[in-house]
Amino acid sequence: DLRCYSVLRQAKDQDPKGEFIRRYIPELRELPGESALEPWKIPASSQLRSVVDQYPSRIVDEAKTSKASKTIISTYQQWFQAGGGRGGEEPPPLDVLLASKASAAAAA
C-alpha cells in the first residue's frame, strides 16, 4: 500500500482550527476556523470570497497528484517485480509501461 504525504491532512490533524495558517498567512487571517485550511472551497457567493481572491490559487491538487504518484510508483514496482532491471537495464519510459499494462488488462 502506497502512501503520499498530505499537507492538508497534516494541517487538519495538527492545526484543525487554522490558527497557524492565520498567524503566518496574512491574506487568510479573516477566514474563520478550518476554512483557512481550504480557502478554495469557499463559495463564490460568500462574503469571504473577496478575502480568498487576494490569495493565489492553489498550485497542487493533492488528490490528483497522489493518484498520479501512486500510479507511477506501482507501475515501476510491478516492472521490477516481474524481473525488469535484473540485468542492469534501465526501465522503459512510463508511457510504454502504462500502454503495456493497459493492453494486458484489456486482454484479461
PDB file of N, CA and C in Angstrom:
ATOM      1  N   ASP A   1       0.847  -1.181   0.000  1.00  0.00           N
ATOM      2  CA  ASP A   1       0.000   0.000   0.000  1.00  0.00           C
ATOM      3  C   ASP A   1       0.889   1.240   0.000  1.00  0.00           C
ATOM      4  N   LEU A   2       0.694   2.097  -0.980  1.00  0.00           N
ATOM      5  CA  LEU A   2       1.495   3.307  -1.081  1.00  0.00           C
ATOM      6  C   LEU A   2       0.801   4.460  -0.367  1.00  0.00           C
ATOM      7  N   ARG A   3       1.591   5.266   0.284  1.00  0.00           N
ATOM      8  CA  ARG A   3       1.049   6.449   0.952  1.00  0.00           C
ATOM      9  C   ARG A   3       1.756   7.681   0.423  1.00  0.00           C
ATOM     10  N   CYS A   4       1.003   8.731   0.275  1.00  0.00           N
ATOM     11  CA  CYS A   4       1.567  10.016  -0.127  1.00  0.00           C
ATOM     12  C   CYS A   4       1.319  11.016   0.994  1.00  0.00           C
ATOM     13  N   TYR A   5       2.317  11.792   1.281  1.00  0.00           N
ATOM     14  CA  TYR A   5       2.192  12.821   2.311  1.00  0.00           C
ATOM     15  C   TYR A   5       1.112  13.811   1.904  1.00  0.00           C
ATOM     16  N   SER A   6       0.243  14.145   2.811  1.00  0.00           N
ATOM     17  CA  SER A   6      -0.820  15.097   2.540  1.00  0.00           C
ATOM     18  C   SER A   6      -0.651  16.316   3.438  1.00  0.00           C
ATOM     19  N   VAL A   7      -0.351  17.439   2.812  1.00  0.00           N
ATOM     20  CA  VAL A   7      -0.207  18.680   3.554  1.00  0.00           C
ATOM     21  C   VAL A   7      -1.537  19.036   4.217  1.00  0.00           C
ATOM     22  N   LEU A   8      -2.619  18.841   3.486  1.00  0.00           N
ATOM     23  CA  LEU A   8      -3.936  19.173   4.020  1.00  0.00           C
ATOM     24  C   LEU A   8      -4.299  18.293   5.217  1.00  0.00           C
ATOM     25  N   ARG A   9      -4.038  17.016   5.095  1.00  0.00           N
ATOM     26  CA  ARG A   9      -4.342  16.123   6.224  1.00  0.00           C
ATOM     27  C   ARG A   9      -3.511  16.490   7.450  1.00  0.00           C
ATOM     28  N   GLN A  10      -2.238  16.795   7.239  1.00  0.00           N
ATOM     29  CA  GLN A  10      -1.388  17.208   8.357  1.00  0.00           C
ATOM     30  C   GLN A  10      -1.921  18.486   8.988  1.00  0.00           C
ATOM     31  N   ALA A  11      -2.339  19.420   8.143  1.00  0.00           N
ATOM     32  CA  ALA A  11      -2.893  20.673   8.671  1.00  0.00           C
ATOM     33  C   ALA A  11      -4.143  20.404   9.495  1.00  0.00           C
ATOM     34  N   LYS A  12      -5.015  19.525   8.993  1.00  0.00           N
ATOM     35  CA  LYS A  12      -6.243  19.212   9.726  1.00  0.00           C
ATOM     36  C   LYS A  12      -5.946  18.492  11.045  1.00  0.00           C
ATOM     37  N   ASP A  13      -4.932  17.641  11.046  1.00  0.00           N
ATOM     38  CA  ASP A  13      -4.554  16.920  12.261  1.00  0.00           C
ATOM     39  C   ASP A  13      -3.864  17.833  13.282  1.00  0.00           C
ATOM     40  N   GLN A  14      -2.940  18.663  12.792  1.00  0.00           N
ATOM     41  CA  GLN A  14      -2.094  19.448  13.683  1.00  0.00           C
ATOM     42  C   GLN A  14      -2.635  20.849  13.981  1.00  0.00           C
ATOM     43  N   ASP A  15      -3.462  21.370  13.098  1.00  0.00           N
ATOM     44  CA  ASP A  15      -3.963  22.747  13.239  1.00  0.00           C
ATOM     45  C   ASP A  15      -5.416  22.816  12.787  1.00  0.00           C
ATOM     46  N   PRO A  16      -6.298  22.036  13.420  1.00  0.00           N
ATOM     47  CA  PRO A  16      -7.677  21.930  12.937  1.00  0.00           C
ATOM     48  C   PRO A  16      -8.452  23.242  12.925  1.00  0.00           C
ATOM     49  N   LYS A  17      -8.045  24.194  13.729  1.00  0.00           N
ATOM     50  CA  LYS A  17      -8.737  25.485  13.763  1.00  0.00           C
ATOM     51  C   LYS A  17      -8.113  26.521  12.822  1.00  0.00           C
ATOM     52  N   GLY A  18      -7.014  26.165  12.164  1.00  0.00           N
ATOM     53  CA  GLY A  18      -6.373  27.082  11.220  1.00  0.00           C
ATOM     54  C   GLY A  18      -5.604  28.220  11.860  1.00  0.00           C
ATOM     55  N   GLU A  19      -5.237  28.073  13.125  1.00  0.00           N
ATOM     56  CA  GLU A  19      -4.546  29.150  13.831  1.00  0.00           C
ATOM     57  C   GLU A  19      -3.167  29.458  13.242  1.00  0.00           C
ATOM     58  N   PHE A  20      -2.415  28.414  12.915  1.00  0.00           N
ATOM     59  CA  PHE A  20      -1.080  28.594  12.328  1.00  0.00           C
ATOM     60  C   PHE A  20      -1.195  29.308  10.982  1.00  0.00           C
ATOM     61  N   ILE A  21      -2.134  28.875  10.161  1.00  0.00           N
ATOM     62  CA  ILE A  21      -2.329  29.482   8.841  1.00  0.00           C
ATOM     63  C   ILE A  21      -2.643  30.969   8.980  1.00  0.00           C
ATOM     64  N   ARG A  22      -3.595  31.287   9.840  1.00  0.00           N
ATOM     65  CA  ARG A  22      -3.974  32.691  10.014  1.00  0.00           C
ATOM     66  C   ARG A  22      -2.829  33.528  10.588  1.00  0.00           C
ATOM     67  N   ARG A  23      -2.011  32.914  11.408  1.00  0.00           N
ATOM     68  CA  ARG A  23      -0.900  33.662  12.004  1.00  0.00           C
ATOM     69  C   ARG A  23       0.165  34.024  10.969  1.00  0.00           C
ATOM     70  N   TYR A  24       0.466  33.096  10.055  1.00  0.00           N
ATOM     71  CA  TYR A  24       1.583  33.301   9.133  1.00  0.00           C
ATOM     72  C   TYR A  24       1.186  33.654   7.703  1.00  0.00           C
ATOM     73  N   ILE A  25      -0.090  33.609   7.404  1.00  0.00           N
ATOM     74  CA  ILE A  25      -0.537  33.987   6.056  1.00  0.00           C
ATOM     75  C   ILE A  25      -1.563  35.112   6.206  1.00  0.00           C
ATOM     76  N   PRO A  26      -1.078  36.344   6.116  1.00  0.00           N
ATOM     77  CA  PRO A  26      -1.934  37.485   6.389  1.00  0.00           C
ATOM     78  C   PRO A  26      -3.183  37.557   5.504  1.00  0.00           C
ATOM     79  N   GLU A  27      -3.082  37.070   4.270  1.00  0.00           N
ATOM     80  CA  GLU A  27      -4.240  37.138   3.363  1.00  0.00           C
ATOM     81  C   GLU A  27      -5.417  36.304   3.866  1.00  0.00           C
ATOM     82  N   LEU A  28      -5.131  35.316   4.708  1.00  0.00           N
ATOM     83  CA  LEU A  28      -6.187  34.408   5.166  1.00  0.00           C
ATOM     84  C   LEU A  28      -6.603  34.663   6.624  1.00  0.00           C
ATOM     85  N   ARG A  29      -6.114  35.715   7.226  1.00  0.00           N
ATOM     86  CA  ARG A  29      -6.401  35.986   8.644  1.00  0.00           C
ATOM     87  C   ARG A  29      -7.880  36.134   8.950  1.00  0.00           C
ATOM     88  N   GLU A  30      -8.643  36.644   8.002  1.00  0.00           N
ATOM     89  CA  GLU A  30     -10.061  36.901   8.258  1.00  0.00           C
ATOM     90  C   GLU A  30     -10.940  35.660   8.112  1.00  0.00           C
ATOM     91  N   LEU A  31     -10.381  34.577   7.617  1.00  0.00           N
ATOM     92  CA  LEU A  31     -11.184  33.373   7.424  1.00  0.00           C
ATOM     93  C   LEU A  31     -11.392  32.670   8.764  1.00  0.00           C
ATOM     94  N   PRO A  32     -12.620  32.308   9.070  1.00  0.00           N
ATOM     95  CA  PRO A  32     -12.886  31.657  10.348  1.00  0.00           C
ATOM     96  C   PRO A  32     -12.540  30.165  10.342  1.00  0.00           C
ATOM     97  N   GLY A  33     -12.171  29.668  11.519  1.00  0.00           N
ATOM     98  CA  GLY A  33     -11.982  28.237  11.732  1.00  0.00           C
ATOM     99  C   GLY A  33     -11.180  27.530  10.661  1.00  0.00           C
ATOM    100  N   GLU A  34     -11.628  26.311  10.359  1.00  0.00           N
ATOM    101  CA  GLU A  34     -10.884  25.474   9.414  1.00  0.00           C
ATOM    102  C   GLU A  34     -11.002  25.933   7.966  1.00  0.00           C
ATOM    103  N   SER A  35     -11.829  26.925   7.681  1.00  0.00           N
ATOM    104  CA  SER A  35     -11.925  27.407   6.295  1.00  0.00           C
ATOM    105  C   SER A  35     -10.587  27.980   5.830  1.00  0.00           C
ATOM    106  N   ALA A  36      -9.720  28.376   6.757  1.00  0.00           N
ATOM    107  CA  ALA A  36      -8.387  28.859   6.394  1.00  0.00           C
ATOM    108  C   ALA A  36      -7.528  27.738   5.814  1.00  0.00           C
ATOM    109  N   LEU A  37      -7.881  26.479   6.104  1.00  0.00           N
ATOM    110  CA  LEU A  37      -7.109  25.342   5.598  1.00  0.00           C
ATOM    111  C   LEU A  37      -7.436  25.025   4.147  1.00  0.00           C
ATOM    112  N   GLU A  38      -8.659  25.341   3.730  1.00  0.00           N
ATOM    113  CA  GLU A  38      -9.091  25.052   2.357  1.00  0.00           C
ATOM    114  C   GLU A  38      -9.841  26.259   1.785  1.00  0.00           C
ATOM    115  N   PRO A  39      -9.142  27.360   1.594  1.00  0.00           N
ATOM    116  CA  PRO A  39      -9.831  28.572   1.144  1.00  0.00           C
ATOM    117  C   PRO A  39     -10.472  28.443  -0.236  1.00  0.00           C
ATOM    118  N   TRP A  40      -9.971  27.537  -1.057  1.00  0.00           N
ATOM    119  CA  TRP A  40     -10.533  27.352  -2.400  1.00  0.00           C
ATOM    120  C   TRP A  40     -11.948  26.788  -2.359  1.00  0.00           C
ATOM    121  N   LYS A  41     -12.362  26.264  -1.221  1.00  0.00           N
ATOM    122  CA  LYS A  41     -13.705  25.697  -1.099  1.00  0.00           C
ATOM    123  C   LYS A  41     -14.765  26.730  -0.704  1.00  0.00           C
ATOM    124  N   ILE A  42     -14.334  27.945  -0.419  1.00  0.00           N
ATOM    125  CA  ILE A  42     -15.300  28.979  -0.040  1.00  0.00           C
ATOM    126  C   ILE A  42     -16.093  29.356  -1.292  1.00  0.00           C
ATOM    127  N   PRO A  43     -17.410  29.283  -1.221  1.00  0.00           N
ATOM    128  CA  PRO A  43     -18.239  29.550  -2.403  1.00  0.00           C
ATOM    129  C   PRO A  43     -18.100  30.992  -2.913  1.00  0.00           C
ATOM    130  N   ALA A  44     -18.294  31.147  -4.195  1.00  0.00           N
ATOM    131  CA  ALA A  44     -18.207  32.475  -4.816  1.00  0.00           C
ATOM    132  C   ALA A  44     -19.239  33.429  -4.226  1.00  0.00           C
ATOM    133  N   SER A  45     -20.341  32.895  -3.744  1.00  0.00           N
ATOM    134  CA  SER A  45     -21.411  33.731  -3.186  1.00  0.00           C
ATOM    135  C   SER A  45     -21.115  34.206  -1.759  1.00  0.00           C
ATOM    136  N   SER A  46     -20.093  33.668  -1.136  1.00  0.00           N
ATOM    137  CA  SER A  46     -19.771  34.005   0.254  1.00  0.00           C
ATOM    138  C   SER A  46     -19.168  35.407   0.351  1.00  0.00           C
ATOM    139  N   GLN A  47     -19.457  36.063   1.461  1.00  0.00           N
ATOM    140  CA  GLN A  47     -18.861  37.379   1.722  1.00  0.00           C
ATOM    141  C   GLN A  47     -17.345  37.270   1.894  1.00  0.00           C
ATOM    142  N   LEU A  48     -16.868  36.091   2.238  1.00  0.00           N
ATOM    143  CA  LEU A  48     -15.434  35.873   2.444  1.00  0.00           C
ATOM    144  C   LEU A  48     -14.669  35.693   1.132  1.00  0.00           C
ATOM    145  N   ARG A  49     -15.391  35.607   0.029  1.00  0.00           N
ATOM    146  CA  ARG A  49     -14.732  35.355  -1.260  1.00  0.00           C
ATOM    147  C   ARG A  49     -13.737  36.453  -1.601  1.00  0.00           C
ATOM    148  N   SER A  50     -14.026  37.684  -1.218  1.00  0.00           N
ATOM    149  CA  SER A  50     -13.093  38.779  -1.524  1.00  0.00           C
ATOM    150  C   SER A  50     -11.773  38.591  -0.789  1.00  0.00           C
ATOM    151  N   VAL A  51     -11.825  37.985   0.390  1.00  0.00           N
ATOM    152  CA  VAL A  51     -10.604  37.685   1.139  1.00  0.00           C
ATOM    153  C   VAL A  51      -9.807  36.612   0.398  1.00  0.00           C
ATOM    154  N   VAL A  52     -10.490  35.573  -0.039  1.00  0.00           N
ATOM    155  CA  VAL A  52      -9.837  34.459  -0.727  1.00  0.00           C
ATOM    156  C   VAL A  52      -9.234  34.916  -2.051  1.00  0.00           C
ATOM    157  N   ASP A  53      -9.892  35.824  -2.728  1.00  0.00           N
ATOM    158  CA  ASP A  53      -9.400  36.284  -4.028  1.00  0.00           C
ATOM    159  C   ASP A  53      -8.070  37.030  -3.935  1.00  0.00           C
ATOM    160  N   GLN A  54      -7.687  37.460  -2.732  1.00  0.00           N
ATOM    161  CA  GLN A  54      -6.384  38.110  -2.536  1.00  0.00           C
ATOM    162  C   GLN A  54      -5.250  37.086  -2.495  1.00  0.00           C
ATOM    163  N   TYR A  55      -5.613  35.847  -2.290  1.00  0.00           N
ATOM    164  CA  TYR A  55      -4.637  34.771  -2.115  1.00  0.00           C
ATOM    165  C   TYR A  55      -4.487  34.012  -3.424  1.00  0.00           C
ATOM    166  N   PRO A  56      -3.261  33.625  -3.816  1.00  0.00           N
ATOM    167  CA  PRO A  56      -3.077  32.909  -5.085  1.00  0.00           C
ATOM    168  C   PRO A  56      -3.832  31.571  -5.111  1.00  0.00           C
ATOM    169  N   SER A  57      -4.202  31.165  -6.295  1.00  0.00           N
ATOM    170  CA  SER A  57      -4.850  29.858  -6.464  1.00  0.00           C
ATOM    171  C   SER A  57      -3.889  28.767  -6.043  1.00  0.00           C
ATOM    172  N   ARG A  58      -4.441  27.653  -5.623  1.00  0.00           N
ATOM    173  CA  ARG A  58      -3.561  26.562  -5.206  1.00  0.00           C
ATOM    174  C   ARG A  58      -2.818  26.004  -6.418  1.00  0.00           C
ATOM    175  N   ILE A  59      -1.638  25.550  -6.166  1.00  0.00           N
ATOM    176  CA  ILE A  59      -0.763  25.057  -7.225  1.00  0.00           C
ATOM    177  C   ILE A  59      -0.947  23.565  -7.428  1.00  0.00           C
ATOM    178  N   VAL A  60      -1.141  22.833  -6.346  1.00  0.00           N
ATOM    179  CA  VAL A  60      -1.197  21.373  -6.391  1.00  0.00           C
ATOM    180  C   VAL A  60      -2.560  20.888  -5.908  1.00  0.00           C
ATOM    181  N   ASP A  61      -3.156  20.014  -6.689  1.00  0.00           N
ATOM    182  CA  ASP A  61      -4.366  19.317  -6.255  1.00  0.00           C
ATOM    183  C   ASP A  61      -3.877  17.994  -5.684  1.00  0.00           C
ATOM    184  N   GLU A  62      -3.921  17.873  -4.362  1.00  0.00           N
ATOM    185  CA  GLU A  62      -3.345  16.697  -3.699  1.00  0.00           C
ATOM    186  C   GLU A  62      -3.955  15.383  -4.166  1.00  0.00           C
ATOM    187  N   ALA A  63      -5.247  15.356  -4.400  1.00  0.00           N
ATOM    188  CA  ALA A  63      -5.889  14.103  -4.823  1.00  0.00           C
ATOM    189  C   ALA A  63      -5.349  13.654  -6.179  1.00  0.00           C
ATOM    190  N   LYS A  64      -5.216  14.585  -7.107  1.00  0.00           N
ATOM    191  CA  LYS A  64      -4.715  14.234  -8.445  1.00  0.00           C
ATOM    192  C   LYS A  64      -3.246  13.829  -8.406  1.00  0.00           C
ATOM    193  N   THR A  65      -2.423  14.602  -7.681  1.00  0.00           N
ATOM    194  CA  THR A  65      -1.000  14.272  -7.657  1.00  0.00           C
ATOM    195  C   THR A  65      -0.738  12.987  -6.888  1.00  0.00           C
ATOM    196  N   SER A  66      -1.524  12.733  -5.852  1.00  0.00           N
ATOM    197  CA  SER A  66      -1.379  11.484  -5.106  1.00  0.00           C
ATOM    198  C   SER A  66      -1.701  10.294  -6.008  1.00  0.00           C
ATOM    199  N   LYS A  67      -2.783  10.395  -6.755  1.00  0.00           N
ATOM    200  CA  LYS A  67      -3.169   9.308  -7.646  1.00  0.00           C
ATOM    201  C   LYS A  67      -2.105   9.088  -8.717  1.00  0.00           C
ATOM    202  N   ALA A  68      -1.614  10.172  -9.308  1.00  0.00           N
ATOM    203  CA  ALA A  68      -0.579  10.059 -10.341  1.00  0.00           C
ATOM    204  C   ALA A  68       0.700   9.449  -9.777  1.00  0.00           C
ATOM    205  N   SER A  69       1.104   9.893  -8.596  1.00  0.00           N
ATOM    206  CA  SER A  69       2.322   9.357  -7.967  1.00  0.00           C
ATOM    207  C   SER A  69       2.193   7.869  -7.690  1.00  0.00           C
ATOM    208  N   LYS A  70       1.046   7.469  -7.157  1.00  0.00           N
ATOM    209  CA  LYS A  70       0.826   6.053  -6.862  1.00  0.00           C
ATOM    210  C   LYS A  70       0.839   5.215  -8.129  1.00  0.00           C
ATOM    211  N   THR A  71       0.269   5.744  -9.204  1.00  0.00           N
ATOM    212  CA  THR A  71       0.269   5.027 -10.478  1.00  0.00           C
ATOM    213  C   THR A  71       1.691   4.825 -10.987  1.00  0.00           C
ATOM    214  N   ILE A  72       2.479   5.876 -10.944  1.00  0.00           N
ATOM    215  CA  ILE A  72       3.860   5.806 -11.433  1.00  0.00           C
ATOM    216  C   ILE A  72       4.678   4.830 -10.599  1.00  0.00           C
ATOM    217  N   ILE A  73       4.613   4.972  -9.297  1.00  0.00           N
ATOM    218  CA  ILE A  73       5.419   4.115  -8.420  1.00  0.00           C
ATOM    219  C   ILE A  73       5.007   2.659  -8.552  1.00  0.00           C
ATOM    220  N   SER A  74       3.701   2.385  -8.544  1.00  0.00           N
ATOM    221  CA  SER A  74       3.261   0.987  -8.629  1.00  0.00           C
ATOM    222  C   SER A  74       3.595   0.378  -9.991  1.00  0.00           C
ATOM    223  N   THR A  75       3.548   1.182 -11.042  1.00  0.00           N
ATOM    224  CA  THR A  75       3.896   0.672 -12.374  1.00  0.00           C
ATOM    225  C   THR A  75       5.357   0.243 -12.422  1.00  0.00           C
ATOM    226  N   TYR A  76       6.240   1.076 -11.906  1.00  0.00           N
ATOM    227  CA  TYR A  76       7.657   0.705 -11.890  1.00  0.00           C
ATOM    228  C   TYR A  76       7.933  -0.436 -10.910  1.00  0.00           C
ATOM    229  N   GLN A  77       7.220  -0.494  -9.799  1.00  0.00           N
ATOM    230  CA  GLN A  77       7.379  -1.625  -8.884  1.00  0.00           C
ATOM    231  C   GLN A  77       6.984  -2.934  -9.565  1.00  0.00           C
ATOM    232  N   GLN A  78       5.883  -2.915 -10.280  1.00  0.00           N
ATOM    233  CA  GLN A  78       5.433  -4.126 -10.987  1.00  0.00           C
ATOM    234  C   GLN A  78       6.442  -4.536 -12.051  1.00  0.00           C
ATOM    235  N   TRP A  79       7.019  -3.568 -12.747  1.00  0.00           N
ATOM    236  CA  TRP A  79       8.030  -3.871 -13.765  1.00  0.00           C
ATOM    237  C   TRP A  79       9.227  -4.564 -13.108  1.00  0.00           C
ATOM    238  N   PHE A  80       9.665  -4.024 -11.973  1.00  0.00           N
ATOM    239  CA  PHE A  80      10.814  -4.607 -11.288  1.00  0.00           C
ATOM    240  C   PHE A  80      10.478  -5.992 -10.738  1.00  0.00           C
ATOM    241  N   GLN A  81       9.302  -6.146 -10.143  1.00  0.00           N
ATOM    242  CA  GLN A  81       8.906  -7.432  -9.573  1.00  0.00           C
ATOM    243  C   GLN A  81       8.744  -8.507 -10.651  1.00  0.00           C
ATOM    244  N   ALA A  82       8.468  -8.068 -11.873  1.00  0.00           N
ATOM    245  CA  ALA A  82       8.346  -9.019 -12.985  1.00  0.00           C
ATOM    246  C   ALA A  82       9.708  -9.373 -13.574  1.00  0.00           C
ATOM    247  N   GLY A  83      10.778  -8.865 -12.979  1.00  0.00           N
ATOM    248  CA  GLY A  83      12.114  -9.227 -13.437  1.00  0.00           C
ATOM    249  C   GLY A  83      12.832  -8.122 -14.176  1.00  0.00           C
ATOM    250  N   GLY A  84      12.189  -6.986 -14.362  1.00  0.00           N
ATOM    251  CA  GLY A  84      12.841  -5.870 -15.040  1.00  0.00           C
ATOM    252  C   GLY A  84      13.996  -5.333 -14.222  1.00  0.00           C
ATOM    253  N   GLY A  85      15.038  -4.920 -14.902  1.00  0.00           N
ATOM    254  CA  GLY A  85      16.178  -4.319 -14.229  1.00  0.00           C
ATOM    255  C   GLY A  85      17.181  -5.294 -13.661  1.00  0.00           C
ATOM    256  N   ARG A  86      16.889  -6.577 -13.692  1.00  0.00           N
ATOM    257  CA  ARG A  86      17.809  -7.559 -13.115  1.00  0.00           C
ATOM    258  C   ARG A  86      19.136  -7.630 -13.873  1.00  0.00           C
ATOM    259  N   GLY A  87      19.078  -7.358 -15.170  1.00  0.00           N
ATOM    260  CA  GLY A  87      20.304  -7.383 -15.966  1.00  0.00           C
ATOM    261  C   GLY A  87      20.978  -6.032 -16.028  1.00  0.00           C
ATOM    262  N   GLY A  88      20.502  -5.102 -15.219  1.00  0.00           N
ATOM    263  CA  GLY A  88      21.109  -3.770 -15.186  1.00  0.00           C
ATOM    264  C   GLY A  88      20.503  -2.803 -16.183  1.00  0.00           C
ATOM    265  N   GLU A  89      19.481  -3.264 -16.936  1.00  0.00           N
ATOM    266  CA  GLU A  89      18.894  -2.357 -17.926  1.00  0.00           C
ATOM    267  C   GLU A  89      18.060  -1.264 -17.261  1.00  0.00           C
ATOM    268  N   GLU A  90      17.973  -0.157 -17.946  1.00  0.00           N
ATOM    269  CA  GLU A  90      17.166   0.965 -17.478  1.00  0.00           C
ATOM    270  C   GLU A  90      15.689   0.628 -17.681  1.00  0.00           C
ATOM    271  N   PRO A  91      14.828   1.120 -16.824  1.00  0.00           N
ATOM    272  CA  PRO A  91      13.401   0.873 -17.040  1.00  0.00           C
ATOM    273  C   PRO A  91      12.910   1.613 -18.277  1.00  0.00           C
ATOM    274  N   PRO A  92      11.900   1.063 -18.927  1.00  0.00           N
ATOM    275  CA  PRO A  92      11.349   1.754 -20.088  1.00  0.00           C
ATOM    276  C   PRO A  92      10.628   3.031 -19.667  1.00  0.00           C
ATOM    277  N   PRO A  93      10.374   3.924 -20.618  1.00  0.00           N
ATOM    278  CA  PRO A  93       9.614   5.137 -20.291  1.00  0.00           C
ATOM    279  C   PRO A  93       8.240   4.773 -19.714  1.00  0.00           C
ATOM    280  N   LEU A  94       7.728   5.626 -18.884  1.00  0.00           N
ATOM    281  CA  LEU A  94       6.462   5.368 -18.203  1.00  0.00           C
ATOM    282  C   LEU A  94       5.326   5.122 -19.196  1.00  0.00           C
ATOM    283  N   ASP A  95       5.256   5.903 -20.268  1.00  0.00           N
ATOM    284  CA  ASP A  95       4.156   5.719 -21.223  1.00  0.00           C
ATOM    285  C   ASP A  95       4.182   4.327 -21.851  1.00  0.00           C
ATOM    286  N   VAL A  96       5.363   3.783 -22.052  1.00  0.00           N
ATOM    287  CA  VAL A  96       5.486   2.429 -22.606  1.00  0.00           C
ATOM    288  C   VAL A  96       4.962   1.407 -21.591  1.00  0.00           C
ATOM    289  N   LEU A  97       5.373   1.555 -20.338  1.00  0.00           N
ATOM    290  CA  LEU A  97       4.901   0.632 -19.304  1.00  0.00           C
ATOM    291  C   LEU A  97       3.390   0.719 -19.122  1.00  0.00           C
ATOM    292  N   LEU A  98       2.850   1.939 -19.115  1.00  0.00           N
ATOM    293  CA  LEU A  98       1.407   2.099 -18.936  1.00  0.00           C
ATOM    294  C   LEU A  98       0.628   1.515 -20.106  1.00  0.00           C
ATOM    295  N   ALA A  99       1.160   1.679 -21.327  1.00  0.00           N
ATOM    296  CA  ALA A  99       0.494   1.126 -22.506  1.00  0.00           C
ATOM    297  C   ALA A  99       0.471  -0.404 -22.443  1.00  0.00           C
ATOM    298  N   SER A 100       1.579  -1.015 -22.041  1.00  0.00           N
ATOM    299  CA  SER A 100       1.608  -2.471 -21.963  1.00  0.00           C
ATOM    300  C   SER A 100       0.713  -2.969 -20.821  1.00  0.00           C
ATOM    301  N   LYS A 101       0.647  -2.208 -19.738  1.00  0.00           N
ATOM    302  CA  LYS A 101      -0.216  -2.553 -18.622  1.00  0.00           C
ATOM    303  C   LYS A 101      -1.692  -2.487 -19.061  1.00  0.00           C
ATOM    304  N   ALA A 102      -2.038  -1.466 -19.830  1.00  0.00           N
ATOM    305  CA  ALA A 102      -3.411  -1.290 -20.301  1.00  0.00           C
ATOM    306  C   ALA A 102      -3.798  -2.390 -21.284  1.00  0.00           C
ATOM    307  N   SER A 103      -2.873  -2.758 -22.165  1.00  0.00           N
ATOM    308  CA  SER A 103      -3.187  -3.823 -23.135  1.00  0.00           C
ATOM    309  C   SER A 103      -3.305  -5.169 -22.439  1.00  0.00           C
ATOM    310  N   ALA A 104      -2.513  -5.395 -21.407  1.00  0.00           N
ATOM    311  CA  ALA A 104      -2.611  -6.645 -20.648  1.00  0.00           C
ATOM    312  C   ALA A 104      -3.947  -6.700 -19.901  1.00  0.00           C
ATOM    313  N   ALA A 105      -4.386  -5.592 -19.375  1.00  0.00           N
ATOM    314  CA  ALA A 105      -5.665  -5.550 -18.652  1.00  0.00           C
ATOM    315  C   ALA A 105      -6.829  -5.759 -19.617  1.00  0.00           C
ATOM    316  N   ALA A 106      -6.712  -5.198 -20.819  1.00  0.00           N
ATOM    317  CA  ALA A 106      -7.773  -5.356 -21.811  1.00  0.00           C
ATOM    318  C   ALA A 106      -7.861  -6.795 -22.294  1.00  0.00           C
ATOM    319  N   ALA A 107      -6.725  -7.475 -22.361  1.00  0.00           N
ATOM    320  CA  ALA A 107      -6.708  -8.865 -22.821  1.00  0.00           C
ATOM    321  C   ALA A 107      -7.256  -9.820 -21.763  1.00  0.00           C
ATOM    322  N   ALA A 108      -7.218  -9.401 -20.522  1.00  0.00           N
ATOM    323  CA  ALA A 108      -7.663 -10.283 -19.434  1.00  0.00           C
ATOM    324  C   ALA A 108      -9.170 -10.356 -19.295  1.00  0.00           C
TER     325      ALA A 108
END
